[in-house]
């Protein structure tokens, strides 16, 4: 008989990635949590991350398995392959002296490399998190934590995560983050602009009343292991895996915003993924500021109008809500036709007779992806993007606060704003 809960066993039977991989190290203990770290040719960055975890007090450190997935695809360059093999050797040596319960998955040695079609950060996170499920103590409501090999944590990291889930009823949380100081002024300007862009979008969502107003940063996610299983686990996307993972968690168990600790990703340039921080950093450092232009407040005002139109009129029929949407924005109305609003809303009303259930179902349908798509369509139709000094003052005015003058000052202000005043939940 399995020692796993039935839902977990079903997940392990049906959804775990099949392949030649195994866990080596501290796998024979039952932990109350696991920190999963993908690592591709990380060298010193990986061990700096492990050392930052070691700075956590023993009473918290001992209860968390740290699982490193050393990986590359079959078609990785020779330099990456060699570095991974060196990292594996170093991990073995490091584990002998480390105070961490440290384990690893070798997805880098010959015969264990990840097939080209699967290679990518989504598959690697999934591989690590799936295998971690088998190392957890299911009598204690265990936790799964996503971290990256280039991301440092604070000494209260593990304690804060545990305490948060003891107090929050939701199944997942995003952690506060702040990029490390860059090595030169050009790189620092690039990461400040990109982080400000990320935060300004979430800020706009919050001002608009969207339940998806949280940052999607792969190294800043934690969830209950049961919530991980319930949402179907991590996806295999080569980029944006964190965004889509959080979308699923928001719909099944809710996503909270944690406070009290921070993670610190490296502001690195990277071409490993087709979009995201690393790719945008490269373009910005080449002088391509138009690759990271900021959304206008008018787009979020339209979003706000649409969300209020529905959530304050839950008994109204599809035609009435659509006619009001037409008055808000012709682009919005066209989009609603594209996503089959007139067929969807009657079904939601029929299947969810209570106002609370109907609101939850609506937000599950009009999710973070559809929200982002609407913002993009509005911008494509004439609501032009622009420089932060041009775009962001209106956001701060909407929020009833003054706007700082410089990008670094605006970034600091939004970092302060990124503190939860309300819980972000699938039940809202």
Protein backbone atom coordinates (compact mmCIF):
# COMPACT_ATOMS: atom_id res chain seq x y z
CA UNK A 1 0.00 0.00 0.00
CA UNK A 2 1.24 3.51 -0.90
CA UNK A 3 2.28 5.84 1.91
CA UNK A 4 1.19 8.80 -0.20
CA UNK A 5 -2.29 10.35 -0.10
CA UNK A 6 -4.48 9.03 -2.91
CA UNK A 7 -4.37 12.26 -4.95
CA UNK A 8 -0.59 12.39 -4.70
CA UNK A 9 -0.25 8.77 -5.78
CA UNK A 10 -2.49 9.42 -8.79
CA UNK A 11 -0.31 12.38 -9.72
CA UNK A 12 2.87 10.32 -9.35
CA UNK A 13 1.38 7.56 -11.50
CA UNK A 14 0.10 9.79 -14.29
CA UNK A 15 1.99 13.07 -14.44
CA UNK A 16 5.59 12.55 -13.35
CA UNK A 17 8.12 12.93 -16.12
CA UNK A 18 9.33 9.57 -17.38
CA UNK A 19 13.04 9.14 -17.88
CA UNK A 20 16.30 7.76 -16.50
CA UNK A 21 16.63 10.29 -13.68
CA UNK A 22 16.90 9.59 -9.96
CA UNK A 23 17.49 11.58 -6.78
CA UNK A 24 20.90 11.25 -5.14
CA UNK A 25 21.75 12.48 -1.67
CA UNK A 26 19.36 13.08 1.21
CA UNK A 27 16.40 11.39 -0.42
CA UNK A 28 15.72 8.84 2.29
CA UNK A 29 14.29 11.27 4.81
CA UNK A 30 10.81 12.72 4.98
CA UNK A 31 10.96 16.49 4.89
CA UNK A 32 8.36 19.11 5.67
CA UNK A 33 9.42 21.05 2.60
CA UNK A 34 11.69 21.07 -0.42
CA UNK A 35 13.54 23.89 -2.19
CA UNK A 36 13.97 22.97 -5.87
CA UNK A 37 16.83 24.62 -7.78
CA UNK A 38 17.36 24.15 -11.55
CA UNK A 39 21.04 24.55 -12.42
CA UNK A 40 22.52 24.86 -15.91
CA UNK A 41 26.24 25.63 -15.96
CA UNK A 42 25.95 27.87 -12.92
CA UNK A 43 29.40 27.32 -11.33
CA UNK A 44 29.99 29.72 -8.42
CA UNK A 45 26.47 31.18 -8.55
CA UNK A 46 24.97 27.87 -7.50
CA UNK A 47 27.23 27.52 -4.49
CA UNK A 48 26.66 31.11 -3.43
CA UNK A 49 22.93 30.31 -3.43
CA UNK A 50 23.51 27.17 -1.36
CA UNK A 51 25.62 29.13 1.10
CA UNK A 52 22.83 31.70 1.51
CA UNK A 53 20.47 28.83 2.34
CA UNK A 54 23.00 27.52 4.86
CA UNK A 55 22.76 30.85 6.70
CA UNK A 56 19.21 29.90 7.72
CA UNK A 57 18.97 28.57 11.31
CA UNK A 58 19.35 24.81 11.73
CA UNK A 59 15.84 24.27 13.11
CA UNK A 60 14.40 25.43 9.78
CA UNK A 61 17.22 24.28 7.51
CA UNK A 62 17.05 20.67 8.69
CA UNK A 63 13.40 20.28 7.74
CA UNK A 64 13.85 21.33 4.10
CA UNK A 65 15.37 19.19 1.39
CA UNK A 66 17.41 21.27 -1.05
CA UNK A 67 17.13 19.53 -4.41
CA UNK A 68 19.39 20.74 -7.24
CA UNK A 69 18.60 19.66 -10.80
CA UNK A 70 21.89 19.85 -12.72
CA UNK A 71 20.78 19.79 -16.32
CA UNK A 72 21.27 20.58 -19.96
CA UNK A 73 19.72 19.51 -23.21
CA UNK A 74 21.33 17.02 -25.56
CA UNK A 75 22.29 19.85 -27.92
CA UNK A 76 23.85 22.10 -25.29
CA UNK A 77 27.24 23.58 -26.13
CA UNK A 78 30.40 21.84 -24.94
CA UNK A 79 31.16 24.61 -22.44
CA UNK A 80 27.80 24.16 -20.70
CA UNK A 81 28.16 20.39 -20.67
CA UNK A 82 31.63 20.56 -19.15
CA UNK A 83 30.56 23.10 -16.54
CA UNK A 84 27.61 20.95 -15.48
CA UNK A 85 29.86 17.93 -15.00
CA UNK A 86 32.18 20.06 -12.88
CA UNK A 87 29.21 21.32 -10.88
CA UNK A 88 28.09 17.75 -10.22
CA UNK A 89 31.53 16.79 -8.94
CA UNK A 90 31.63 19.89 -6.79
CA UNK A 91 28.12 19.15 -5.42
CA UNK A 92 29.25 15.75 -4.24
CA UNK A 93 32.22 17.31 -2.45
CA UNK A 94 30.12 20.19 -1.11
CA UNK A 95 27.43 17.90 0.29
CA UNK A 96 29.95 16.09 2.48
CA UNK A 97 30.60 19.30 4.44
CA UNK A 98 27.29 21.14 3.99
CA UNK A 99 24.81 21.64 6.81
CA UNK A 100 21.99 21.47 4.26
CA UNK A 101 19.99 18.32 3.59
CA UNK A 102 21.26 18.40 0.02
CA UNK A 103 20.29 16.18 -2.89
CA UNK A 104 20.55 16.40 -6.65
CA UNK A 105 19.24 15.02 -9.89
CA UNK A 106 21.86 14.34 -12.55
CA UNK A 107 20.31 15.41 -15.86
CA UNK A 108 23.69 16.27 -17.37
CA UNK A 109 25.90 13.16 -17.56
CA UNK A 110 26.01 11.22 -20.85
CA UNK A 111 22.84 9.17 -21.17
CA UNK A 112 21.02 11.43 -18.68
CA UNK A 113 20.86 14.64 -20.71
CA UNK A 114 17.40 16.04 -21.33
CA UNK A 115 16.01 15.33 -24.80
CA UNK A 116 16.09 18.40 -27.00
CA UNK A 117 12.32 18.66 -27.35
CA UNK A 118 11.91 18.74 -23.55
CA UNK A 119 14.94 20.81 -22.59
CA UNK A 120 13.98 24.05 -20.89
CA UNK A 121 13.37 25.58 -17.51
CA UNK A 122 9.74 24.43 -17.25
CA UNK A 123 10.61 20.76 -17.70
CA UNK A 124 13.52 21.05 -15.25
CA UNK A 125 11.43 22.73 -12.55
CA UNK A 126 8.77 20.09 -13.06
CA UNK A 127 11.31 17.27 -12.87
CA UNK A 128 12.66 18.57 -9.57
CA UNK A 129 9.29 19.35 -8.01
CA UNK A 130 7.79 16.03 -9.10
CA UNK A 131 10.67 14.06 -7.59
CA UNK A 132 10.57 16.17 -4.44
CA UNK A 133 7.02 14.95 -3.81
CA UNK A 134 8.42 11.52 -2.96
CA UNK A 135 10.75 12.96 -0.30
CA UNK A 136 8.10 14.79 1.73
CA UNK A 137 6.35 13.96 4.98
CA UNK A 138 2.70 13.94 3.97
CA UNK A 139 1.57 13.93 7.60
CA UNK A 140 2.73 17.53 7.98
CA UNK A 141 1.20 19.53 5.06
CA UNK A 142 4.54 19.83 3.24
CA UNK A 143 5.69 22.76 1.10
CA UNK A 144 7.39 23.13 -2.28
CA UNK A 145 9.57 26.15 -3.00
CA UNK A 146 10.96 27.35 -6.35
CA UNK A 147 14.41 28.91 -6.33
CA UNK A 148 17.04 29.57 -9.00
CA UNK A 149 20.74 28.84 -8.89
CA UNK A 150 21.59 32.53 -9.31
CA UNK A 151 19.31 33.77 -6.53
CA UNK A 152 20.38 34.56 -2.97
CA UNK A 153 18.05 34.32 0.01
CA UNK A 154 17.96 35.93 3.45
CA UNK A 155 18.66 34.09 6.72
CA UNK A 156 14.95 34.16 7.64
CA UNK A 157 13.87 32.74 4.26
CA UNK A 158 12.78 29.27 5.35
CA UNK A 159 11.22 30.38 8.62
CA UNK A 160 9.20 33.09 6.90
CA UNK A 161 7.88 30.64 4.31
CA UNK A 162 6.79 28.17 6.97
CA UNK A 163 5.18 30.85 9.13
CA UNK A 164 3.36 32.31 6.15
CA UNK A 165 1.63 29.06 5.27
CA UNK A 166 0.76 28.45 8.90
CA UNK A 167 -1.17 31.72 8.79
CA UNK A 168 -2.48 31.91 5.23
CA UNK A 169 -5.41 29.78 4.06
CA UNK A 170 -4.26 29.92 0.45
CA UNK A 171 -2.27 27.30 -1.37
CA UNK A 172 0.50 29.40 -2.92
CA UNK A 173 2.45 32.62 -2.49
CA UNK A 174 4.87 34.84 -4.34
CA UNK A 175 7.86 36.16 -2.42
CA UNK A 176 9.21 39.70 -2.51
CA UNK A 177 12.21 40.00 -4.82
CA UNK A 178 14.88 42.53 -5.59
CA UNK A 179 17.58 42.07 -8.22
CA UNK A 180 21.17 42.12 -7.05
CA UNK A 181 23.34 45.12 -7.86
CA UNK A 182 24.73 44.80 -11.36
CA UNK A 183 28.42 44.82 -12.22
CA UNK A 184 28.38 48.08 -14.18
CA UNK A 185 26.21 51.14 -14.76
CA UNK A 186 24.85 49.99 -18.13
CA UNK A 187 23.72 46.65 -16.74
CA UNK A 188 22.28 48.33 -13.64
CA UNK A 189 20.22 50.72 -15.75
CA UNK A 190 18.94 47.79 -17.81
CA UNK A 191 17.80 45.72 -14.84
CA UNK A 192 16.21 48.74 -13.15
CA UNK A 193 14.21 49.49 -16.27
CA UNK A 194 13.12 45.89 -16.73
CA UNK A 195 12.19 45.35 -13.07
CA UNK A 196 10.26 48.61 -13.13
CA UNK A 197 8.42 47.40 -16.23
CA UNK A 198 7.46 44.16 -14.49
CA UNK A 199 6.31 45.93 -11.36
CA UNK A 200 4.40 48.66 -13.20
CA UNK A 201 2.31 46.03 -14.99
CA UNK A 202 1.41 44.35 -11.69
CA UNK A 203 0.75 47.78 -10.19
CA UNK A 204 -1.68 48.53 -12.99
CA UNK A 205 -3.44 45.21 -12.42
CA UNK A 206 -3.79 45.98 -8.72
CA UNK A 207 -5.20 49.44 -9.40
CA UNK A 208 -7.65 47.88 -11.88
CA UNK A 209 -8.88 45.37 -9.30
CA UNK A 210 -7.53 42.25 -11.03
CA UNK A 211 -7.06 39.16 -8.83
CA UNK A 212 -3.91 38.39 -10.86
CA UNK A 213 -1.88 41.30 -9.48
CA UNK A 214 1.23 39.39 -8.50
CA UNK A 215 4.71 39.13 -10.00
CA UNK A 216 5.64 35.97 -11.89
CA UNK A 217 9.26 35.33 -10.94
CA UNK A 218 10.38 31.70 -11.05
CA UNK A 219 12.74 32.05 -8.10
CA UNK A 220 10.07 33.62 -5.89
CA UNK A 221 7.25 31.05 -5.70
CA UNK A 222 6.18 28.74 -2.88
CA UNK A 223 3.16 26.49 -2.54
CA UNK A 224 1.67 23.73 -0.48
CA UNK A 225 2.60 20.38 -1.99
CA UNK A 226 -1.07 19.44 -2.04
CA UNK A 227 -1.82 22.59 -4.04
CA UNK A 228 0.93 21.63 -6.48
CA UNK A 229 -0.71 18.28 -7.06
CA UNK A 230 -4.22 19.74 -7.21
CA UNK A 231 -3.34 22.21 -9.97
CA UNK A 232 -1.66 19.53 -12.07
CA UNK A 233 1.94 20.44 -11.27
CA UNK A 234 4.47 22.52 -13.12
CA UNK A 235 4.27 22.84 -16.90
CA UNK A 236 6.95 22.04 -19.48
CA UNK A 237 7.18 25.50 -21.09
CA UNK A 238 10.61 26.67 -22.16
CA UNK A 239 9.78 30.18 -20.94
CA UNK A 240 6.97 31.75 -18.96
CA UNK A 241 6.55 28.57 -16.93
CA UNK A 242 6.27 30.64 -13.75
CA UNK A 243 3.42 32.77 -15.18
CA UNK A 244 1.35 29.77 -16.27
CA UNK A 245 2.08 27.83 -13.07
CA UNK A 246 0.80 30.71 -10.97
CA UNK A 247 -2.27 30.99 -13.19
CA UNK A 248 -3.19 27.41 -12.35
CA UNK A 249 -2.50 27.85 -8.65
CA UNK A 250 -4.57 31.05 -8.53
CA UNK A 251 -7.58 29.18 -9.94
CA UNK A 252 -7.37 26.13 -7.68
CA UNK A 253 -5.93 27.31 -4.36
CA UNK A 254 -5.28 31.04 -4.51
CA UNK A 255 -2.03 33.02 -4.59
CA UNK A 256 -1.00 35.21 -1.67
CA UNK A 257 1.74 37.83 -1.52
CA UNK A 258 4.29 37.01 1.16
CA UNK A 259 6.13 39.59 3.25
CA UNK A 260 9.00 39.42 5.68
CA UNK A 261 11.79 38.06 3.51
CA UNK A 262 13.26 38.62 0.05
CA UNK A 263 15.07 36.78 -2.71
CA UNK A 264 17.77 38.39 -4.83
CA UNK A 265 18.15 37.16 -8.44
CA UNK A 266 21.24 38.02 -10.48
CA UNK A 267 20.61 40.66 -13.17
CA UNK A 268 22.18 38.52 -15.86
CA UNK A 269 22.01 38.69 -19.63
CA UNK A 270 20.85 35.40 -21.11
CA UNK A 271 19.67 33.93 -24.40
CA UNK A 272 18.55 30.62 -22.90
CA UNK A 273 14.87 31.54 -23.16
CA UNK A 274 13.01 33.34 -25.97
CA UNK A 275 11.71 36.08 -23.66
CA UNK A 276 11.94 37.26 -20.07
CA UNK A 277 14.51 39.03 -17.94
CA UNK A 278 17.72 37.71 -19.52
CA UNK A 279 16.67 38.31 -23.12
CA UNK A 280 15.30 41.79 -22.33
CA UNK A 281 18.48 42.67 -20.46
CA UNK A 282 20.52 41.88 -23.56
CA UNK A 283 18.38 44.08 -25.78
CA UNK A 284 18.43 46.98 -23.33
CA UNK A 285 22.20 46.82 -22.99
CA UNK A 286 22.43 47.02 -26.76
CA UNK A 287 20.49 50.30 -26.57
CA UNK A 288 17.13 48.91 -27.68
CA UNK A 289 14.91 50.71 -25.16
CA UNK A 290 11.90 50.24 -27.44
CA UNK A 291 11.99 46.53 -26.57
CA UNK A 292 10.80 47.47 -23.07
CA UNK A 293 8.17 50.20 -23.37
CA UNK A 294 5.65 50.80 -20.60
CA UNK A 295 1.88 50.30 -20.80
CA UNK A 296 -0.42 53.34 -20.62
CA UNK A 297 -2.75 53.83 -17.67
CA UNK A 298 -5.74 54.07 -20.03
CA UNK A 299 -5.45 50.33 -20.77
CA UNK A 300 -5.80 49.49 -17.10
CA UNK A 301 -8.68 51.94 -16.72
CA UNK A 302 -10.51 50.02 -19.45
CA UNK A 303 -9.69 46.76 -17.68
CA UNK A 304 -11.00 48.21 -14.42
CA UNK A 305 -14.23 49.28 -16.11
CA UNK A 306 -14.74 45.81 -17.57
CA UNK A 307 -14.09 43.99 -14.29
CA UNK A 308 -16.44 46.30 -12.38
CA UNK A 309 -19.05 45.97 -15.12
CA UNK A 310 -19.22 42.23 -14.51
CA UNK A 311 -18.56 41.87 -10.78
CA UNK A 312 -21.11 44.54 -9.83
CA UNK A 313 -23.78 43.14 -12.14
CA UNK A 314 -23.57 39.40 -11.69
CA UNK A 315 -27.25 38.84 -12.47
CA UNK A 316 -27.18 40.78 -15.75
CA UNK A 317 -27.39 38.84 -18.99
CA UNK A 318 -24.60 38.59 -21.55
CA UNK A 319 -26.15 41.14 -23.94
CA UNK A 320 -26.47 43.85 -21.31
CA UNK A 321 -22.91 43.38 -20.05
CA UNK A 322 -21.66 43.35 -23.63
CA UNK A 323 -23.46 46.58 -24.49
CA UNK A 324 -21.80 48.21 -21.49
CA UNK A 325 -18.46 46.82 -22.61
CA UNK A 326 -18.98 48.44 -26.02
CA UNK A 327 -19.34 51.80 -24.28
CA UNK A 328 -16.11 51.20 -22.35
CA UNK A 329 -14.03 50.25 -25.40
CA UNK A 330 -14.66 48.98 -28.93
CA UNK A 331 -11.44 46.96 -28.69
CA UNK A 332 -12.72 45.31 -25.52
CA UNK A 333 -16.01 44.46 -27.23
CA UNK A 334 -14.24 42.95 -30.25
CA UNK A 335 -12.08 40.88 -27.92
CA UNK A 336 -15.11 39.58 -26.05
CA UNK A 337 -16.55 38.39 -29.36
CA UNK A 338 -13.26 36.60 -30.11
CA UNK A 339 -13.27 34.75 -26.79
CA UNK A 340 -16.94 33.77 -27.11
CA UNK A 341 -18.42 35.91 -24.35
CA UNK A 342 -22.06 35.43 -25.37
CA UNK A 343 -21.82 31.65 -25.08
CA UNK A 344 -19.60 31.65 -21.98
CA UNK A 345 -21.47 33.96 -19.62
CA UNK A 346 -24.82 32.08 -19.65
CA UNK A 347 -22.94 28.87 -18.84
CA UNK A 348 -21.14 30.52 -15.92
CA UNK A 349 -24.44 31.86 -14.61
CA UNK A 350 -26.13 28.47 -14.91
CA UNK A 351 -23.29 26.50 -13.34
CA UNK A 352 -22.61 28.95 -10.52
CA UNK A 353 -25.86 30.16 -8.95
CA UNK A 354 -24.23 32.05 -6.06
CA UNK A 355 -22.66 35.45 -6.59
CA UNK A 356 -19.40 34.35 -4.95
CA UNK A 357 -19.12 31.23 -7.08
CA UNK A 358 -20.00 33.14 -10.23
CA UNK A 359 -17.35 35.80 -9.54
CA UNK A 360 -14.76 33.09 -8.94
CA UNK A 361 -15.72 31.37 -12.20
CA UNK A 362 -15.59 34.63 -14.12
CA UNK A 363 -12.08 35.41 -12.90
CA UNK A 364 -11.02 31.86 -13.67
CA UNK A 365 -12.25 32.37 -17.24
CA UNK A 366 -11.00 35.93 -17.67
CA UNK A 367 -7.63 34.98 -16.25
CA UNK A 368 -4.17 36.52 -16.21
CA UNK A 369 -3.44 35.42 -19.77
CA UNK A 370 -6.67 36.91 -21.16
CA UNK A 371 -6.02 40.05 -19.13
CA UNK A 372 -2.54 40.43 -20.63
CA UNK A 373 -3.95 39.78 -24.10
CA UNK A 374 -6.50 42.56 -23.64
CA UNK A 375 -3.80 45.01 -22.55
CA UNK A 376 -1.74 44.14 -25.64
CA UNK A 377 -4.73 44.52 -27.97
CA UNK A 378 -5.55 47.92 -26.50
CA UNK A 379 -1.95 49.04 -27.04
CA UNK A 380 -1.89 47.68 -30.59
CA UNK A 381 -5.11 49.58 -31.34
CA UNK A 382 -3.75 52.97 -30.43
CA UNK A 383 -3.01 53.24 -26.71
CA UNK A 384 0.68 53.71 -27.28
CA UNK A 385 3.38 52.48 -24.92
CA UNK A 386 6.09 54.88 -23.84
CA UNK A 387 8.94 55.76 -21.54
CA UNK A 388 8.42 55.29 -17.79
CA UNK A 389 8.71 59.03 -17.08
CA UNK A 390 5.85 59.53 -19.57
CA UNK A 391 3.62 56.61 -18.60
CA UNK A 392 3.91 56.10 -14.85
CA UNK A 393 2.86 59.47 -13.34
CA UNK A 394 -0.77 58.67 -14.21
CA UNK A 395 -0.54 55.36 -12.32
CA UNK A 396 0.69 57.10 -9.18
CA UNK A 397 -2.00 59.77 -9.54
CA UNK A 398 -4.66 57.04 -9.81
CA UNK A 399 -3.31 55.62 -6.57
CA UNK A 400 -3.34 59.02 -4.89
CA UNK A 401 0.41 59.40 -4.54
CA UNK A 402 3.11 61.49 -6.09
CA UNK A 403 5.37 60.07 -8.78
CA UNK A 404 9.15 60.03 -8.27
CA UNK A 405 11.19 61.63 -11.05
CA UNK A 406 13.77 58.96 -11.91
CA UNK A 407 13.64 55.28 -12.84
CA UNK A 408 15.53 54.16 -9.69
CA UNK A 409 13.22 56.24 -7.48
CA UNK A 410 10.09 54.94 -9.24
CA UNK A 411 11.38 51.40 -8.84
CA UNK A 412 11.94 51.86 -5.11
CA UNK A 413 8.44 53.28 -4.73
CA UNK A 414 6.87 50.30 -6.50
CA UNK A 415 8.95 47.90 -4.43
CA UNK A 416 7.35 49.51 -1.39
CA UNK A 417 3.91 49.34 -3.02
CA UNK A 418 4.35 45.63 -3.61
CA UNK A 419 3.17 44.77 -0.12
CA UNK A 420 -0.14 43.04 0.34
CA UNK A 421 -2.93 45.10 1.72
CA UNK A 422 -5.41 42.42 0.66
CA UNK A 423 -5.10 38.74 -0.13
CA UNK A 424 -5.13 37.72 -3.78
CA UNK A 425 -7.41 34.72 -3.95
CA UNK A 426 -9.38 32.61 -6.33
CA UNK A 427 -12.33 33.28 -4.05
CA UNK A 428 -12.35 37.03 -4.64
